[in-house]
Protein backbone atom coordinates (compact mmCIF):
# COMPACT_ATOMS: atom_id res chain seq x y z
CA UNK A 1 35.12 50.93 133.37
CA UNK A 2 34.23 49.78 130.10
CA UNK A 3 35.40 50.29 126.31
CA UNK A 4 35.27 54.00 125.57
CA UNK A 5 35.40 55.15 128.65
CA UNK A 6 37.89 57.69 129.78
CA UNK A 7 41.10 56.95 130.99
CA UNK A 8 41.78 58.91 134.40
CA UNK A 9 45.17 59.63 135.56
CA UNK A 10 45.56 59.82 138.88
CA UNK A 11 42.79 57.41 139.86
CA UNK A 12 42.30 53.44 139.90
CA UNK A 13 40.90 52.64 136.25
CA UNK A 14 39.84 49.06 136.56
CA UNK A 15 38.03 46.94 133.86
CA UNK A 16 36.32 43.80 133.52
CA UNK A 17 36.24 41.59 130.78
CA UNK A 18 37.27 44.47 128.30
CA UNK A 19 40.14 46.33 127.22
CA UNK A 20 41.68 49.61 127.69
CA UNK A 21 43.35 51.08 124.80
CA UNK A 22 44.68 54.39 123.97
CA UNK A 23 44.46 54.87 119.67
CA UNK A 24 45.78 58.02 117.83
CA UNK A 25 43.13 57.91 115.24
CA UNK A 26 43.49 59.02 112.48
CA UNK A 27 47.03 59.08 112.44
CA UNK A 28 48.44 62.60 113.39
CA UNK A 29 51.90 64.10 113.31
CA UNK A 30 52.83 63.45 117.22
CA UNK A 31 55.68 61.56 117.68
CA UNK A 32 54.60 60.39 121.24
CA UNK A 33 51.00 58.87 121.59
CA UNK A 34 51.13 58.73 125.56
CA UNK A 35 53.44 60.29 127.84
CA UNK A 36 53.76 59.69 131.74
CA UNK A 37 56.42 61.49 133.53
CA UNK A 38 56.59 60.59 137.41
CA UNK A 39 57.81 63.27 139.82
CA UNK A 40 61.52 63.23 141.62
CA UNK A 41 60.44 60.68 144.28
CA UNK A 42 58.30 58.69 141.85
CA UNK A 43 59.92 54.97 141.40
CA UNK A 44 58.09 53.93 138.14
CA UNK A 45 57.23 55.88 135.07
CA UNK A 46 54.94 53.04 133.85
CA UNK A 47 54.21 49.97 135.83
CA UNK A 48 52.45 46.91 134.24
CA UNK A 49 51.37 43.64 135.19
CA UNK A 50 49.22 41.10 133.60
CA UNK A 51 48.71 37.25 133.01
CA UNK A 52 49.98 37.61 129.68
CA UNK A 53 51.55 40.75 128.72
CA UNK A 54 52.57 43.40 131.22
CA UNK A 55 53.06 46.40 128.84
CA UNK A 56 52.72 46.17 124.98
CA UNK A 57 53.42 49.20 122.65
CA UNK A 58 53.52 49.49 119.00
CA UNK A 59 55.07 52.57 116.90
CA UNK A 60 56.50 53.71 114.08
CA UNK A 61 59.75 54.28 115.98
CA UNK A 62 59.89 53.20 119.26
CA UNK A 63 57.48 50.75 120.62
CA UNK A 64 58.21 51.59 124.30
CA UNK A 65 60.37 53.90 126.02
CA UNK A 66 60.47 54.53 129.56
CA UNK A 67 63.02 57.07 131.66
CA UNK A 68 62.77 57.01 135.23
CA UNK A 69 64.34 54.91 138.45
CA UNK A 70 63.37 52.02 136.52
CA UNK A 71 62.76 52.77 132.86
CA UNK A 72 60.43 50.29 131.81
CA UNK A 73 59.34 47.43 133.92
CA UNK A 74 56.58 44.87 133.21
CA UNK A 75 55.37 41.81 134.85
CA UNK A 76 53.68 38.68 133.84
CA UNK A 77 52.73 35.18 135.29
CA UNK A 78 52.97 33.19 131.94
CA UNK A 79 53.14 35.38 128.98
CA UNK A 80 55.73 38.36 128.22
CA UNK A 81 56.73 41.10 130.67
CA UNK A 82 57.51 43.60 128.17
CA UNK A 83 56.70 43.52 124.57
CA UNK A 84 57.87 46.41 122.08
CA UNK A 85 57.28 46.56 118.54
CA UNK A 86 58.73 48.74 115.80
CA UNK A 87 58.61 48.77 112.08
CA UNK A 88 61.79 50.67 111.52
CA UNK A 89 63.56 51.68 114.85
CA UNK A 90 63.66 50.35 118.32
CA UNK A 91 61.39 47.54 119.99
CA UNK A 92 62.06 48.60 123.66
CA UNK A 93 64.17 51.47 124.78
CA UNK A 94 64.96 52.20 128.40
CA UNK A 95 67.23 54.53 130.22
CA UNK A 96 68.09 55.14 133.77
CA UNK A 97 70.42 57.48 135.73
CA UNK A 98 70.96 55.22 138.60
CA UNK A 99 68.65 52.27 137.94
CA UNK A 100 67.82 49.78 135.69
CA UNK A 101 67.04 50.62 131.94
CA UNK A 102 64.44 47.79 131.24
CA UNK A 103 63.21 45.33 133.67
CA UNK A 104 61.00 42.50 132.57
CA UNK A 105 59.93 39.41 134.57
CA UNK A 106 57.82 36.63 133.73
CA UNK A 107 57.09 33.26 135.54
CA UNK A 108 57.00 30.87 132.48
CA UNK A 109 57.53 33.07 129.66
CA UNK A 110 59.47 35.80 128.28
CA UNK A 111 60.79 38.93 130.70
CA UNK A 112 61.20 41.19 127.96
CA UNK A 113 60.84 40.83 123.94
CA UNK A 114 61.93 43.25 121.63
CA UNK A 115 61.46 42.89 117.75
CA UNK A 116 62.61 45.35 114.88
CA UNK A 117 62.62 44.99 111.18
CA UNK A 118 65.72 47.34 110.74
CA UNK A 119 66.79 48.21 113.88
CA UNK A 120 67.66 47.47 117.51
CA UNK A 121 65.06 44.80 119.35
CA UNK A 122 65.94 46.17 122.68
CA UNK A 123 68.35 49.01 123.85
CA UNK A 124 69.06 49.69 127.40
CA UNK A 125 71.44 52.50 128.51
CA UNK A 126 72.43 53.03 132.09
CA UNK A 127 75.09 55.40 133.56
CA UNK A 128 75.45 53.47 136.74
CA UNK A 129 73.78 50.23 136.70
CA UNK A 130 72.52 47.54 134.04
CA UNK A 131 71.27 48.88 130.69
CA UNK A 132 69.34 45.48 130.13
CA UNK A 133 69.40 42.66 132.72
CA UNK A 134 67.69 39.23 131.94
CA UNK A 135 67.12 36.31 134.77
CA UNK A 136 65.41 33.48 133.44
CA UNK A 137 65.55 29.63 134.44
CA UNK A 138 66.27 29.03 130.99
CA UNK A 139 67.56 31.89 129.20
CA UNK A 140 68.25 35.18 130.88
CA UNK A 141 68.93 37.05 127.41
CA UNK A 142 68.08 35.60 124.32
CA UNK A 143 68.75 37.80 121.05
CA UNK A 144 67.85 36.56 117.44
CA UNK A 145 68.84 38.28 114.72
CA UNK A 146 70.22 38.09 111.11
CA UNK A 147 73.07 40.22 112.16
CA UNK A 148 73.66 40.93 115.91
CA UNK A 149 71.50 39.33 118.41
CA UNK A 150 72.76 41.16 121.47
CA UNK A 151 75.07 44.46 121.64
CA UNK A 152 76.49 45.47 124.88
CA UNK A 153 78.70 48.44 125.53
CA UNK A 154 80.33 50.38 128.20
CA UNK A 155 82.42 53.46 128.96
CA UNK A 156 82.98 53.12 132.48
CA UNK A 157 84.24 51.02 135.10
CA UNK A 158 82.40 48.88 137.47
CA UNK A 159 81.62 50.54 140.83
CA UNK A 160 82.23 47.34 142.97
CA UNK A 161 85.73 46.79 141.88
CA UNK A 162 84.89 44.16 139.00
CA UNK A 163 86.98 44.74 135.62
CA UNK A 164 86.81 48.49 133.80
CA UNK A 165 84.73 48.64 130.67
CA UNK A 166 82.81 45.56 130.21
CA UNK A 167 80.55 45.44 127.06
CA UNK A 168 78.53 41.98 128.17
CA UNK A 169 78.81 40.58 131.54
CA UNK A 170 77.27 36.84 132.24
CA UNK A 171 77.32 35.34 135.64
CA UNK A 172 75.72 32.01 136.59
CA UNK A 173 75.89 29.95 140.00
CA UNK A 174 76.62 26.43 138.24
CA UNK A 175 75.51 26.56 134.55
CA UNK A 176 76.88 28.87 131.92
CA UNK A 177 77.47 32.69 132.24
CA UNK A 178 77.59 33.47 128.88
CA UNK A 179 76.47 31.14 125.94
CA UNK A 180 76.82 31.49 122.59
CA UNK A 181 75.48 29.21 119.80
CA UNK A 182 75.39 29.46 115.92
CA UNK A 183 74.13 26.99 113.09
CA UNK A 184 76.47 28.35 110.68
CA UNK A 185 78.50 31.07 112.09
CA UNK A 186 80.10 32.01 114.90
CA UNK A 187 78.92 31.18 118.36
CA UNK A 188 81.13 33.58 120.35
CA UNK A 189 82.86 36.40 118.68
CA UNK A 190 85.49 38.93 120.67
CA UNK A 191 86.90 41.88 118.79
CA UNK A 192 89.28 44.51 120.38
CA UNK A 193 91.43 46.97 118.85
CA UNK A 194 93.66 47.61 121.62
CA UNK A 195 93.17 45.31 124.44
CA UNK A 196 92.42 41.71 124.78
CA UNK A 197 89.39 40.11 122.58
CA UNK A 198 88.39 37.30 124.86
CA UNK A 199 89.80 36.86 128.56
CA UNK A 200 89.24 33.90 130.57
CA UNK A 201 89.78 33.31 134.40
CA UNK A 202 89.33 30.45 136.72
CA UNK A 203 90.07 30.14 140.46
CA UNK A 204 89.28 26.48 141.07
CA UNK A 205 91.05 23.32 139.69
CA UNK A 206 88.95 23.54 136.43
CA UNK A 207 90.40 25.27 133.49
CA UNK A 208 89.61 29.14 132.25
CA UNK A 209 88.55 27.66 128.70
CA UNK A 210 87.08 24.58 127.79
CA UNK A 211 86.63 23.68 124.07
CA UNK A 212 85.24 20.62 122.54
CA UNK A 213 84.75 19.68 119.02
CA UNK A 214 84.85 15.75 118.68
CA UNK A 215 84.96 15.82 114.64
CA UNK A 216 86.69 19.31 114.08
CA UNK A 217 89.27 21.45 115.68
CA UNK A 218 88.72 22.84 119.32
CA UNK A 219 91.00 25.77 119.47
CA UNK A 220 92.06 27.47 116.11
CA UNK A 221 94.80 30.36 116.89
CA UNK A 222 95.87 32.57 113.87
CA UNK A 223 98.18 35.61 114.83
CA UNK A 224 101.77 36.51 115.52
CA UNK A 225 101.55 33.76 118.42
CA UNK A 226 98.92 31.24 117.00
CA UNK A 227 98.86 29.82 120.56
CA UNK A 228 100.40 31.38 123.73
CA UNK A 229 100.46 29.50 126.98
CA UNK A 230 102.33 30.63 130.22
CA UNK A 231 102.31 29.51 133.64
CA UNK A 232 103.31 31.81 136.62
CA UNK A 233 103.73 28.78 139.06
CA UNK A 234 107.48 27.24 139.75
CA UNK A 235 106.68 23.96 138.59
CA UNK A 236 103.73 24.73 136.16
CA UNK A 237 103.11 23.85 132.75
CA UNK A 238 102.42 26.38 129.83
CA UNK A 239 100.93 24.30 127.30
CA UNK A 240 99.57 20.82 128.17
CA UNK A 241 98.47 18.48 125.38
CA UNK A 242 97.17 14.96 125.65
CA UNK A 243 96.19 12.22 123.41
CA UNK A 244 95.88 8.39 124.36
CA UNK A 245 96.15 7.06 120.72
CA UNK A 246 97.70 9.43 118.63
CA UNK A 247 100.05 12.48 119.05
CA UNK A 248 99.72 15.03 121.91
CA UNK A 249 101.26 17.82 119.65
CA UNK A 250 101.94 18.20 116.08
CA UNK A 251 103.98 20.97 114.38
CA UNK A 252 104.39 21.58 110.60
CA UNK A 253 107.62 24.00 110.22
CA UNK A 254 110.52 24.54 112.48
CA UNK A 255 110.46 24.02 116.18
CA UNK A 256 112.39 26.10 118.57
CA UNK A 257 113.10 25.50 122.05
CA UNK A 258 114.76 28.49 124.12
CA UNK A 259 115.85 26.10 127.23
CA UNK A 260 116.11 22.64 127.98
CA UNK A 261 114.47 20.02 126.11
CA UNK A 262 113.49 17.22 128.66
CA UNK A 263 111.39 14.03 127.83
CA UNK A 264 110.84 10.68 129.15
CA UNK A 265 109.85 7.40 127.20
CA UNK A 266 112.28 5.56 124.67
CA UNK A 267 114.52 8.46 123.77
CA UNK A 268 114.83 10.76 120.95
CA UNK A 269 113.78 9.18 117.48
CA UNK A 270 113.53 10.44 113.91
CA UNK A 271 111.21 8.94 111.47
CA UNK A 272 112.78 7.70 108.29
CA UNK A 273 111.07 7.20 105.11
CA UNK A 274 111.73 3.57 103.41
CA UNK A 275 111.72 2.77 99.87
CA UNK A 276 108.51 1.33 100.32
CA UNK A 277 107.00 4.62 101.41
CA UNK A 278 106.58 3.40 105.09
CA UNK A 279 108.40 5.29 107.95
CA UNK A 280 110.79 3.69 110.38
CA UNK A 281 111.83 5.06 113.82
CA UNK A 282 115.76 5.63 114.25
CA UNK A 283 116.73 6.55 117.90
CA UNK A 284 119.52 8.92 119.08
CA UNK A 285 122.28 8.11 121.52
CA UNK A 286 121.73 9.60 125.01
CA UNK A 287 124.77 10.47 127.12
CA UNK A 288 125.40 11.32 130.90
CA UNK A 289 127.23 14.56 129.77
CA UNK A 290 126.79 17.16 126.89
CA UNK A 291 129.10 16.10 123.85
CA UNK A 292 129.55 17.39 120.47
CA UNK A 293 131.18 15.16 117.99
CA UNK A 294 132.64 15.56 114.02
CA UNK A 295 133.82 12.72 111.51
CA UNK A 296 136.46 13.10 108.89
CA UNK A 297 139.00 11.24 107.13
CA UNK A 298 142.67 11.44 107.09
CA UNK A 299 145.76 10.18 105.04
CA UNK A 300 148.79 8.52 106.74
CA UNK A 301 152.24 8.97 104.88
CA UNK A 302 155.31 6.99 105.93
CA UNK A 303 153.76 6.38 109.50
CA UNK A 304 152.85 9.88 110.40
CA UNK A 305 150.15 12.78 110.04
CA UNK A 306 148.94 15.89 111.64
CA UNK A 307 145.22 16.15 111.37
CA UNK A 308 143.72 19.63 111.73
CA UNK A 309 140.28 19.97 113.24
CA UNK A 310 137.62 21.81 111.52
CA UNK A 311 137.92 25.31 112.85
CA UNK A 312 133.93 25.83 112.90
CA UNK A 313 133.57 22.76 114.83
CA UNK A 314 136.38 23.57 117.07
CA UNK A 315 134.17 27.08 118.09
CA UNK A 316 131.43 24.98 119.44
CA UNK A 317 133.65 22.70 121.99
CA UNK A 318 136.49 22.98 124.46
CA UNK A 319 139.47 21.75 122.95
CA UNK A 320 141.48 22.82 125.84
CA UNK A 321 140.01 19.85 127.89
CA UNK A 322 140.70 16.36 127.42
CA UNK A 323 138.72 15.24 124.21
CA UNK A 324 138.75 11.91 122.47
CA UNK A 325 139.56 10.90 119.22
CA UNK A 326 138.87 7.50 117.53
CA UNK A 327 140.47 6.15 114.34
CA UNK A 328 139.48 3.21 111.87
CA UNK A 329 141.85 2.38 109.38
CA UNK A 330 140.95 1.57 105.87
CA UNK A 331 143.55 -1.30 105.36
CA UNK A 332 145.22 -3.85 107.06
CA UNK A 333 148.74 -2.76 106.21
CA UNK A 334 148.13 0.11 109.08
CA UNK A 335 146.09 -1.93 111.40
CA UNK A 336 148.30 -0.59 114.55
CA UNK A 337 147.29 3.20 114.38
CA UNK A 338 147.58 5.42 117.53
CA UNK A 339 146.78 8.88 118.71
CA UNK A 340 149.75 9.92 119.99
CA UNK A 341 148.96 13.96 120.53
CA UNK A 342 145.66 16.00 121.23
CA UNK A 343 146.21 19.57 120.99
CA UNK A 344 143.79 22.46 120.80
CA UNK A 345 143.55 22.56 116.85
CA UNK A 346 144.85 19.22 115.75
CA UNK A 347 145.90 15.75 116.53
CA UNK A 348 148.44 13.38 115.62
CA UNK A 349 148.39 9.70 114.45
CA UNK A 350 151.35 7.38 113.87
CA UNK A 351 152.07 3.93 112.62
CA UNK A 352 154.99 2.10 114.33
CA UNK A 353 156.03 0.65 110.89
CA UNK A 354 155.86 3.53 109.05
CA UNK A 355 152.71 2.41 106.74
CA UNK A 356 150.67 4.51 104.72
CA UNK A 357 147.01 4.78 103.81
CA UNK A 358 143.84 6.24 104.73
CA UNK A 359 141.66 5.98 107.78
CA UNK A 360 138.67 7.54 109.26
CA UNK A 361 138.32 9.24 112.50
CA UNK A 362 135.60 10.64 115.15
CA UNK A 363 136.07 13.48 117.29
CA UNK A 364 134.01 13.71 120.76
CA UNK A 365 134.80 16.59 122.92
CA UNK A 366 132.53 18.72 125.41
CA UNK A 367 130.21 21.84 124.74
CA UNK A 368 131.96 25.07 124.92
CA UNK A 369 128.87 27.21 125.81
CA UNK A 370 127.45 25.45 128.54
CA UNK A 371 128.56 23.19 131.58
CA UNK A 372 126.78 20.44 133.03
CA UNK A 373 127.38 18.13 135.91
CA UNK A 374 127.63 14.64 135.00
CA UNK A 375 123.83 12.51 135.40
CA UNK A 376 122.76 15.93 136.71
CA UNK A 377 119.63 14.96 139.27
CA UNK A 378 116.48 16.97 137.97
CA UNK A 379 113.44 17.90 139.49
CA UNK A 380 110.51 16.69 137.23
CA UNK A 381 106.59 18.04 137.56
CA UNK A 382 104.36 15.48 139.80
CA UNK A 383 103.19 13.51 136.96
CA UNK A 384 100.44 11.81 139.33
CA UNK A 385 98.83 14.95 140.11
CA UNK A 386 98.94 16.30 136.56
CA UNK A 387 97.10 13.15 135.59
CA UNK A 388 94.51 13.30 138.54
CA UNK A 389 93.80 16.83 137.87
CA UNK A 390 93.31 15.83 134.03
CA UNK A 391 90.63 13.27 135.26
CA UNK A 392 88.89 15.58 137.36
CA UNK A 393 88.52 18.29 134.64
CA UNK A 394 87.06 15.57 132.30
CA UNK A 395 84.87 14.69 134.61
CA UNK A 396 83.68 18.16 135.62
CA UNK A 397 83.25 19.21 132.02
CA UNK A 398 81.39 16.10 131.11
CA UNK A 399 79.12 16.59 134.24
CA UNK A 400 78.57 20.38 133.04
CA UNK A 401 77.62 19.45 129.77
CA UNK A 402 74.95 16.94 131.15
CA UNK A 403 73.62 19.63 133.54
CA UNK A 404 73.26 22.01 130.94
CA UNK A 405 71.39 19.83 128.65
CA UNK A 406 69.10 18.85 131.56
CA UNK A 407 68.18 22.32 132.25
CA UNK A 408 67.52 23.37 128.50
CA UNK A 409 65.35 20.32 128.18
CA UNK A 410 68.12 18.62 125.88
CA UNK A 411 68.00 21.55 123.52
CA UNK A 412 71.55 22.89 122.15
CA UNK A 413 70.15 26.05 120.86
CA UNK A 414 66.75 27.83 120.47
CA UNK A 415 65.42 29.57 117.50
CA UNK A 416 62.18 30.55 118.92
CA UNK A 417 60.75 33.81 117.93
CA UNK A 418 57.30 35.28 118.94
């Protein structure tokens, strides 16, 4: 058939070196220029294949719209499978009750391309399967917009046991399931009103979430809990921080530990600022048992004094058990002081020659709220295994980055639009 020949529905219409087109000229009031509706046993409403573009439609409202087992399917060897262009509404719209809304395939080009000035580029709607599905060696689905590149929504559960109500699902054999890149905004944004905005799960040794920012903040959390980490294993670690040269963790504000605080290294230390504005480390004394201590000053009169222990301090220790009192006289005239009685709320100090003067004392007693054995044997996490897993994670993350860059030809993002 040649240009101008009739297009016969139900017959094979072939053409050589010419184009078969259907125009509405002059423009009428009909909303649909061409409508093809298959029967109950028809697989495709429209099937288009070509070396460049399988199906191309332009319209004031919807460029291409298909309803059927597969709403719209286009195939091309090197160009675009389906192209839909609209000035004010939807470029490509496909809906299916049990199959695929829009399916486009191309050997080396774009499977489905939809562009719109003021509405959606591509809309896919399906009750039981995929609204829009993209498969490619480079980009499965590429969305480019001033506002939202790709929107995915769902109202029902997956029929084969996957999570309920998934807006966007991306799977990959050895690459990235979902990749988001932004040149000035947010690469991937998750929002939820009553649930979890972003959730990641991993079954292997590699982490569920990997964030990398060499010159910025890799993970930034803001909320009731800025960052929350929990481990369900018996000897796991809720939050792991590592830094080879600086600090593994930094806290600006009060730190609360509900449980035992255990550390390795040189011991507990505090940074004290010197007059020259430098900071110096002072170390705490470690003890094989849990002791509290208090300090004070007493006055000896005619060789005797009874010192009352501070009532608030007494509430934190068990003074019914043996405790210790160390005294230091402030004068050589009373150098022979002795603690002659240690009672639950007080202790007595005497001087054999009946001297008078002041002295300092130090009271050391065991805590009242807990009971711990001396030099308790403890079980530590396998630090060697943690270090080994950390090396594997680091090596695997670098390998995935190299593989991803190799597949994409070294490009970190794409702003192509045709």
